[in-house]
Amino acid sequence: MTVTIEGDFFANYLVSRRTKYMWNEFSSPHFEVNVGVGQGSALSPILSSLYLSPFLYILENRLKNLRIPVSILLFVDDGLIVA
């Protein structure tokens, strides 16, 4: 089986990732996280746009069909829903 360079990149990109949660003085142990992209990654805004765009398009259309006036404003990975 042949794997493309892009496939290798994404497969290796999500391997051996760990995260830890902090709240005030509490700090959790490290957890294995083999999904998603790291905070501050150059891929974060690109992948979040690719994943969220179809969902937000459907959501906006469904809300408008229910006669709920809505506008969805997005900038990179920050968003605002105005209803």
PDB file of N, CA and C in Angstrom:
ATOM      1  N   MET A   1       0.847  -1.184   0.000  1.00  0.00           N
ATOM      2  CA  MET A   1       0.000   0.000   0.000  1.00  0.00           C
ATOM      3  C   MET A   1       0.886   1.239   0.000  1.00  0.00           C
ATOM      4  N   THR A   2       0.586   2.172  -0.881  1.00  0.00           N
ATOM      5  CA  THR A   2       1.352   3.408  -0.984  1.00  0.00           C
ATOM      6  C   THR A   2       0.608   4.536  -0.287  1.00  0.00           C
ATOM      7  N   VAL A   3       1.321   5.270   0.545  1.00  0.00           N
ATOM      8  CA  VAL A   3       0.739   6.413   1.242  1.00  0.00           C
ATOM      9  C   VAL A   3       1.359   7.669   0.675  1.00  0.00           C
ATOM     10  N   THR A   4       0.535   8.660   0.392  1.00  0.00           N
ATOM     11  CA  THR A   4       1.047   9.900  -0.178  1.00  0.00           C
ATOM     12  C   THR A   4       1.793  10.703   0.882  1.00  0.00           C
ATOM     13  N   ILE A   5       2.545  11.681   0.425  1.00  0.00           N
ATOM     14  CA  ILE A   5       3.270  12.559   1.344  1.00  0.00           C
ATOM     15  C   ILE A   5       2.285  13.285   2.247  1.00  0.00           C
ATOM     16  N   GLU A   6       1.157  13.753   1.674  1.00  0.00           N
ATOM     17  CA  GLU A   6       0.167  14.452   2.471  1.00  0.00           C
ATOM     18  C   GLU A   6      -0.404  13.534   3.542  1.00  0.00           C
ATOM     19  N   GLY A   7      -0.672  12.277   3.183  1.00  0.00           N
ATOM     20  CA  GLY A   7      -1.193  11.317   4.142  1.00  0.00           C
ATOM     21  C   GLY A   7      -0.208  11.074   5.272  1.00  0.00           C
ATOM     22  N   ASP A   8       1.081  10.949   4.934  1.00  0.00           N
ATOM     23  CA  ASP A   8       2.109  10.783   5.959  1.00  0.00           C
ATOM     24  C   ASP A   8       2.144  11.992   6.874  1.00  0.00           C
ATOM     25  N   PHE A   9       2.045  13.173   6.295  1.00  0.00           N
ATOM     26  CA  PHE A   9       2.105  14.395   7.091  1.00  0.00           C
ATOM     27  C   PHE A   9       0.996  14.423   8.122  1.00  0.00           C
ATOM     28  N   PHE A  10      -0.248  14.189   7.683  1.00  0.00           N
ATOM     29  CA  PHE A  10      -1.370  14.229   8.616  1.00  0.00           C
ATOM     30  C   PHE A  10      -1.318  13.075   9.613  1.00  0.00           C
ATOM     31  N   ALA A  11      -0.903  11.904   9.170  1.00  0.00           N
ATOM     32  CA  ALA A  11      -0.802  10.769  10.084  1.00  0.00           C
ATOM     33  C   ALA A  11       0.226  11.053  11.174  1.00  0.00           C
ATOM     34  N   ASN A  12       1.350  11.610  10.813  1.00  0.00           N
ATOM     35  CA  ASN A  12       2.395  11.908  11.794  1.00  0.00           C
ATOM     36  C   ASN A  12       2.070  13.144  12.623  1.00  0.00           C
ATOM     37  N   TYR A  13       1.279  14.034  12.077  1.00  0.00           N
ATOM     38  CA  TYR A  13       0.958  15.284  12.768  1.00  0.00           C
ATOM     39  C   TYR A  13       0.141  15.033  14.029  1.00  0.00           C
ATOM     40  N   LEU A  14      -0.684  14.012  14.015  1.00  0.00           N
ATOM     41  CA  LEU A  14      -1.582  13.740  15.134  1.00  0.00           C
ATOM     42  C   LEU A  14      -1.059  12.664  16.089  1.00  0.00           C
ATOM     43  N   VAL A  15       0.187  12.227  15.909  1.00  0.00           N
ATOM     44  CA  VAL A  15       0.745  11.157  16.725  1.00  0.00           C
ATOM     45  C   VAL A  15       1.522  11.743  17.904  1.00  0.00           C
ATOM     46  N   SER A  16       1.420  11.091  19.033  1.00  0.00           N
ATOM     47  CA  SER A  16       2.172  11.449  20.245  1.00  0.00           C
ATOM     48  C   SER A  16       1.868  12.855  20.752  1.00  0.00           C
ATOM     49  N   ARG A  17       0.641  13.258  20.660  1.00  0.00           N
ATOM     50  CA  ARG A  17       0.244  14.557  21.215  1.00  0.00           C
ATOM     51  C   ARG A  17      -0.261  14.351  22.627  1.00  0.00           C
ATOM     52  N   ARG A  18       0.042  15.311  23.477  1.00  0.00           N
ATOM     53  CA  ARG A  18      -0.420  15.269  24.868  1.00  0.00           C
ATOM     54  C   ARG A  18      -0.977  16.633  25.233  1.00  0.00           C
ATOM     55  N   THR A  19      -1.879  16.626  26.202  1.00  0.00           N
ATOM     56  CA  THR A  19      -2.430  17.887  26.695  1.00  0.00           C
ATOM     57  C   THR A  19      -2.576  17.802  28.206  1.00  0.00           C
ATOM     58  N   LYS A  20      -2.753  18.948  28.806  1.00  0.00           N
ATOM     59  CA  LYS A  20      -2.897  19.040  30.252  1.00  0.00           C
ATOM     60  C   LYS A  20      -3.831  20.216  30.515  1.00  0.00           C
ATOM     61  N   TYR A  21      -4.702  20.074  31.501  1.00  0.00           N
ATOM     62  CA  TYR A  21      -5.673  21.119  31.811  1.00  0.00           C
ATOM     63  C   TYR A  21      -5.289  21.818  33.106  1.00  0.00           C
ATOM     64  N   MET A  22      -5.475  23.135  33.117  1.00  0.00           N
ATOM     65  CA  MET A  22      -5.157  23.918  34.303  1.00  0.00           C
ATOM     66  C   MET A  22      -6.322  24.844  34.630  1.00  0.00           C
ATOM     67  N   TRP A  23      -6.622  24.960  35.930  1.00  0.00           N
ATOM     68  CA  TRP A  23      -7.663  25.865  36.403  1.00  0.00           C
ATOM     69  C   TRP A  23      -7.203  26.409  37.741  1.00  0.00           C
ATOM     70  N   ASN A  24      -6.943  27.708  37.794  1.00  0.00           N
ATOM     71  CA  ASN A  24      -6.386  28.336  38.994  1.00  0.00           C
ATOM     72  C   ASN A  24      -5.145  27.564  39.448  1.00  0.00           C
ATOM     73  N   GLU A  25      -5.193  26.950  40.622  1.00  0.00           N
ATOM     74  CA  GLU A  25      -4.042  26.214  41.145  1.00  0.00           C
ATOM     75  C   GLU A  25      -4.041  24.738  40.747  1.00  0.00           C
ATOM     76  N   PHE A  26      -5.160  24.258  40.171  1.00  0.00           N
ATOM     77  CA  PHE A  26      -5.269  22.846  39.799  1.00  0.00           C
ATOM     78  C   PHE A  26      -4.555  22.595  38.478  1.00  0.00           C
ATOM     79  N   SER A  27      -3.828  21.509  38.419  1.00  0.00           N
ATOM     80  CA  SER A  27      -3.166  21.092  37.194  1.00  0.00           C
ATOM     81  C   SER A  27      -3.375  19.588  37.020  1.00  0.00           C
ATOM     82  N   SER A  28      -3.962  19.176  35.914  1.00  0.00           N
ATOM     83  CA  SER A  28      -4.244  17.759  35.686  1.00  0.00           C
ATOM     84  C   SER A  28      -2.976  17.047  35.208  1.00  0.00           C
ATOM     85  N   PRO A  29      -2.991  15.725  35.244  1.00  0.00           N
ATOM     86  CA  PRO A  29      -1.891  14.993  34.616  1.00  0.00           C
ATOM     87  C   PRO A  29      -2.003  15.123  33.093  1.00  0.00           C
ATOM     88  N   HIS A  30      -0.973  14.719  32.381  1.00  0.00           N
ATOM     89  CA  HIS A  30      -1.015  14.751  30.922  1.00  0.00           C
ATOM     90  C   HIS A  30      -1.916  13.637  30.392  1.00  0.00           C
ATOM     91  N   PHE A  31      -2.651  13.947  29.310  1.00  0.00           N
ATOM     92  CA  PHE A  31      -3.510  12.990  28.634  1.00  0.00           C
ATOM     93  C   PHE A  31      -3.041  12.855  27.199  1.00  0.00           C
ATOM     94  N   GLU A  32      -3.130  11.644  26.657  1.00  0.00           N
ATOM     95  CA  GLU A  32      -2.852  11.417  25.242  1.00  0.00           C
ATOM     96  C   GLU A  32      -3.995  12.015  24.418  1.00  0.00           C
ATOM     97  N   VAL A  33      -3.671  12.767  23.392  1.00  0.00           N
ATOM     98  CA  VAL A  33      -4.671  13.375  22.521  1.00  0.00           C
ATOM     99  C   VAL A  33      -4.221  13.166  21.082  1.00  0.00           C
ATOM    100  N   ASN A  34      -4.853  12.226  20.403  1.00  0.00           N
ATOM    101  CA  ASN A  34      -4.466  11.929  19.028  1.00  0.00           C
ATOM    102  C   ASN A  34      -5.470  12.452  18.010  1.00  0.00           C
ATOM    103  N   VAL A  35      -6.228  13.479  18.391  1.00  0.00           N
ATOM    104  CA  VAL A  35      -7.160  14.136  17.478  1.00  0.00           C
ATOM    105  C   VAL A  35      -6.978  15.638  17.611  1.00  0.00           C
ATOM    106  N   GLY A  36      -7.370  16.356  16.591  1.00  0.00           N
ATOM    107  CA  GLY A  36      -7.293  17.810  16.649  1.00  0.00           C
ATOM    108  C   GLY A  36      -5.899  18.334  16.346  1.00  0.00           C
ATOM    109  N   VAL A  37      -5.767  19.625  16.383  1.00  0.00           N
ATOM    110  CA  VAL A  37      -4.476  20.261  16.137  1.00  0.00           C
ATOM    111  C   VAL A  37      -4.072  21.043  17.366  1.00  0.00           C
ATOM    112  N   GLY A  38      -2.794  21.223  17.532  1.00  0.00           N
ATOM    113  CA  GLY A  38      -2.292  21.927  18.698  1.00  0.00           C
ATOM    114  C   GLY A  38      -2.630  23.406  18.677  1.00  0.00           C
ATOM    115  N   GLN A  39      -2.735  23.986  19.858  1.00  0.00           N
ATOM    116  CA  GLN A  39      -3.015  25.413  19.958  1.00  0.00           C
ATOM    117  C   GLN A  39      -1.862  26.191  19.347  1.00  0.00           C
ATOM    118  N   GLY A  40      -2.183  27.176  18.539  1.00  0.00           N
ATOM    119  CA  GLY A  40      -1.165  27.985  17.887  1.00  0.00           C
ATOM    120  C   GLY A  40      -0.637  27.387  16.599  1.00  0.00           C
ATOM    121  N   SER A  41      -1.163  26.239  16.208  1.00  0.00           N
ATOM    122  CA  SER A  41      -0.712  25.586  14.982  1.00  0.00           C
ATOM    123  C   SER A  41      -1.166  26.377  13.762  1.00  0.00           C
ATOM    124  N   ALA A  42      -0.333  26.381  12.736  1.00  0.00           N
ATOM    125  CA  ALA A  42      -0.701  27.056  11.488  1.00  0.00           C
ATOM    126  C   ALA A  42      -1.883  26.369  10.814  1.00  0.00           C
ATOM    127  N   LEU A  43      -2.095  25.089  11.097  1.00  0.00           N
ATOM    128  CA  LEU A  43      -3.214  24.362  10.500  1.00  0.00           C
ATOM    129  C   LEU A  43      -4.539  24.622  11.204  1.00  0.00           C
ATOM    130  N   SER A  44      -4.506  25.132  12.418  1.00  0.00           N
ATOM    131  CA  SER A  44      -5.725  25.317  13.197  1.00  0.00           C
ATOM    132  C   SER A  44      -6.790  26.129  12.474  1.00  0.00           C
ATOM    133  N   PRO A  45      -6.491  27.339  11.975  1.00  0.00           N
ATOM    134  CA  PRO A  45      -7.558  28.102  11.305  1.00  0.00           C
ATOM    135  C   PRO A  45      -8.033  27.455  10.018  1.00  0.00           C
ATOM    136  N   ILE A  46      -7.143  26.803   9.309  1.00  0.00           N
ATOM    137  CA  ILE A  46      -7.528  26.169   8.041  1.00  0.00           C
ATOM    138  C   ILE A  46      -8.458  24.989   8.299  1.00  0.00           C
ATOM    139  N   LEU A  47      -8.050  24.104   9.196  1.00  0.00           N
ATOM    140  CA  LEU A  47      -8.870  22.920   9.467  1.00  0.00           C
ATOM    141  C   LEU A  47     -10.174  23.272  10.159  1.00  0.00           C
ATOM    142  N   SER A  48     -10.150  24.245  11.076  1.00  0.00           N
ATOM    143  CA  SER A  48     -11.400  24.622  11.737  1.00  0.00           C
ATOM    144  C   SER A  48     -12.379  25.210  10.722  1.00  0.00           C
ATOM    145  N   SER A  49     -11.896  25.967   9.762  1.00  0.00           N
ATOM    146  CA  SER A  49     -12.774  26.513   8.718  1.00  0.00           C
ATOM    147  C   SER A  49     -13.362  25.402   7.864  1.00  0.00           C
ATOM    148  N   LEU A  50     -12.534  24.433   7.489  1.00  0.00           N
ATOM    149  CA  LEU A  50     -13.016  23.325   6.668  1.00  0.00           C
ATOM    150  C   LEU A  50     -14.065  22.488   7.390  1.00  0.00           C
ATOM    151  N   TYR A  51     -13.885  22.273   8.677  1.00  0.00           N
ATOM    152  CA  TYR A  51     -14.826  21.458   9.440  1.00  0.00           C
ATOM    153  C   TYR A  51     -16.087  22.225   9.818  1.00  0.00           C
ATOM    154  N   LEU A  52     -15.957  23.500  10.162  1.00  0.00           N
ATOM    155  CA  LEU A  52     -17.102  24.254  10.663  1.00  0.00           C
ATOM    156  C   LEU A  52     -17.978  24.864   9.577  1.00  0.00           C
ATOM    157  N   SER A  53     -17.430  25.178   8.427  1.00  0.00           N
ATOM    158  CA  SER A  53     -18.200  25.855   7.377  1.00  0.00           C
ATOM    159  C   SER A  53     -19.473  25.115   6.983  1.00  0.00           C
ATOM    160  N   PRO A  54     -19.414  23.823   6.686  1.00  0.00           N
ATOM    161  CA  PRO A  54     -20.667  23.131   6.317  1.00  0.00           C
ATOM    162  C   PRO A  54     -21.700  23.150   7.445  1.00  0.00           C
ATOM    163  N   PHE A  55     -21.252  22.943   8.681  1.00  0.00           N
ATOM    164  CA  PHE A  55     -22.168  22.963   9.824  1.00  0.00           C
ATOM    165  C   PHE A  55     -22.826  24.333   9.970  1.00  0.00           C
ATOM    166  N   LEU A  56     -22.045  25.391   9.902  1.00  0.00           N
ATOM    167  CA  LEU A  56     -22.592  26.737  10.070  1.00  0.00           C
ATOM    168  C   LEU A  56     -23.515  27.119   8.927  1.00  0.00           C
ATOM    169  N   TYR A  57     -23.224  26.663   7.719  1.00  0.00           N
ATOM    170  CA  TYR A  57     -24.091  26.909   6.567  1.00  0.00           C
ATOM    171  C   TYR A  57     -25.459  26.261   6.797  1.00  0.00           C
ATOM    172  N   ILE A  58     -25.458  24.995   7.232  1.00  0.00           N
ATOM    173  CA  ILE A  58     -26.710  24.283   7.500  1.00  0.00           C
ATOM    174  C   ILE A  58     -27.463  24.949   8.649  1.00  0.00           C
ATOM    175  N   LEU A  59     -26.754  25.292   9.719  1.00  0.00           N
ATOM    176  CA  LEU A  59     -27.382  25.946  10.873  1.00  0.00           C
ATOM    177  C   LEU A  59     -28.051  27.253  10.469  1.00  0.00           C
ATOM    178  N   GLU A  60     -27.351  28.081   9.723  1.00  0.00           N
ATOM    179  CA  GLU A  60     -27.911  29.369   9.309  1.00  0.00           C
ATOM    180  C   GLU A  60     -29.168  29.171   8.460  1.00  0.00           C
ATOM    181  N   ASN A  61     -29.128  28.226   7.530  1.00  0.00           N
ATOM    182  CA  ASN A  61     -30.300  27.974   6.682  1.00  0.00           C
ATOM    183  C   ASN A  61     -31.477  27.426   7.480  1.00  0.00           C
ATOM    184  N   ARG A  62     -31.221  26.525   8.416  1.00  0.00           N
ATOM    185  CA  ARG A  62     -32.303  25.969   9.238  1.00  0.00           C
ATOM    186  C   ARG A  62     -32.951  27.051  10.095  1.00  0.00           C
ATOM    187  N   LEU A  63     -32.133  27.905  10.696  1.00  0.00           N
ATOM    188  CA  LEU A  63     -32.682  28.977  11.526  1.00  0.00           C
ATOM    189  C   LEU A  63     -33.484  29.968  10.691  1.00  0.00           C
ATOM    190  N   LYS A  64     -33.011  30.265   9.493  1.00  0.00           N
ATOM    191  CA  LYS A  64     -33.763  31.180   8.619  1.00  0.00           C
ATOM    192  C   LYS A  64     -35.067  30.539   8.167  1.00  0.00           C
ATOM    193  N   ASN A  65     -35.084  29.211   7.952  1.00  0.00           N
ATOM    194  CA  ASN A  65     -36.326  28.517   7.605  1.00  0.00           C
ATOM    195  C   ASN A  65     -37.325  28.556   8.748  1.00  0.00           C
ATOM    196  N   LEU A  66     -36.844  28.636   9.968  1.00  0.00           N
ATOM    197  CA  LEU A  66     -37.716  28.768  11.135  1.00  0.00           C
ATOM    198  C   LEU A  66     -38.097  30.225  11.394  1.00  0.00           C
ATOM    199  N   ARG A  67     -37.719  31.091  10.476  1.00  0.00           N
ATOM    200  CA  ARG A  67     -37.981  32.529  10.558  1.00  0.00           C
ATOM    201  C   ARG A  67     -37.307  33.162  11.773  1.00  0.00           C
ATOM    202  N   ILE A  68     -36.144  32.670  12.104  1.00  0.00           N
ATOM    203  CA  ILE A  68     -35.313  33.274  13.140  1.00  0.00           C
ATOM    204  C   ILE A  68     -34.218  34.046  12.422  1.00  0.00           C
ATOM    205  N   PRO A  69     -34.284  35.372  12.450  1.00  0.00           N
ATOM    206  CA  PRO A  69     -33.262  36.141  11.745  1.00  0.00           C
ATOM    207  C   PRO A  69     -31.901  35.920  12.414  1.00  0.00           C
ATOM    208  N   VAL A  70     -30.948  35.491  11.639  1.00  0.00           N
ATOM    209  CA  VAL A  70     -29.640  35.156  12.198  1.00  0.00           C
ATOM    210  C   VAL A  70     -28.539  35.567  11.236  1.00  0.00           C
ATOM    211  N   SER A  71     -27.431  36.015  11.795  1.00  0.00           N
ATOM    212  CA  SER A  71     -26.218  36.280  11.029  1.00  0.00           C
ATOM    213  C   SER A  71     -25.072  35.595  11.754  1.00  0.00           C
ATOM    214  N   ILE A  72     -24.217  34.946  11.000  1.00  0.00           N
ATOM    215  CA  ILE A  72     -23.063  34.275  11.575  1.00  0.00           C
ATOM    216  C   ILE A  72     -21.818  34.964  11.042  1.00  0.00           C
ATOM    217  N   LEU A  73     -21.033  35.508  11.949  1.00  0.00           N
ATOM    218  CA  LEU A  73     -19.811  36.215  11.589  1.00  0.00           C
ATOM    219  C   LEU A  73     -18.616  35.433  12.103  1.00  0.00           C
ATOM    220  N   LEU A  74     -17.666  35.127  11.227  1.00  0.00           N
ATOM    221  CA  LEU A  74     -16.499  34.352  11.625  1.00  0.00           C
ATOM    222  C   LEU A  74     -15.214  35.044  11.178  1.00  0.00           C
ATOM    223  N   PHE A  75     -14.224  34.961  12.021  1.00  0.00           N
ATOM    224  CA  PHE A  75     -12.886  35.402  11.670  1.00  0.00           C
ATOM    225  C   PHE A  75     -11.923  34.337  12.164  1.00  0.00           C
ATOM    226  N   VAL A  76     -11.310  33.635  11.249  1.00  0.00           N
ATOM    227  CA  VAL A  76     -10.391  32.532  11.519  1.00  0.00           C
ATOM    228  C   VAL A  76     -11.088  31.524  12.418  1.00  0.00           C
ATOM    229  N   ASP A  77     -10.756  31.416  13.692  1.00  0.00           N
ATOM    230  CA  ASP A  77     -11.401  30.424  14.542  1.00  0.00           C
ATOM    231  C   ASP A  77     -12.200  31.078  15.681  1.00  0.00           C
ATOM    232  N   ASP A  78     -12.567  32.330  15.504  1.00  0.00           N
ATOM    233  CA  ASP A  78     -13.445  33.039  16.447  1.00  0.00           C
ATOM    234  C   ASP A  78     -14.749  33.352  15.717  1.00  0.00           C
ATOM    235  N   GLY A  79     -15.875  33.214  16.406  1.00  0.00           N
ATOM    236  CA  GLY A  79     -17.130  33.455  15.738  1.00  0.00           C
ATOM    237  C   GLY A  79     -18.172  34.105  16.621  1.00  0.00           C
ATOM    238  N   LEU A  80     -19.198  34.637  15.962  1.00  0.00           N
ATOM    239  CA  LEU A  80     -20.294  35.295  16.649  1.00  0.00           C
ATOM    240  C   LEU A  80     -21.587  34.952  15.914  1.00  0.00           C
ATOM    241  N   ILE A  81     -22.597  34.513  16.652  1.00  0.00           N
ATOM    242  CA  ILE A  81     -23.920  34.257  16.071  1.00  0.00           C
ATOM    243  C   ILE A  81     -24.848  35.333  16.608  1.00  0.00           C
ATOM    244  N   VAL A  82     -25.413  36.132  15.702  1.00  0.00           N
ATOM    245  CA  VAL A  82     -26.325  37.213  16.065  1.00  0.00           C
ATOM    246  C   VAL A  82     -27.720  36.778  15.654  1.00  0.00           C
ATOM    247  N   ALA A  83     -28.616  36.668  16.649  1.00  0.00           N
ATOM    248  CA  ALA A  83     -29.989  36.267  16.357  1.00  0.00           C
ATOM    249  C   ALA A  83     -30.937  37.352  16.820  1.00  0.00           C
TER     250      ALA A  83
END
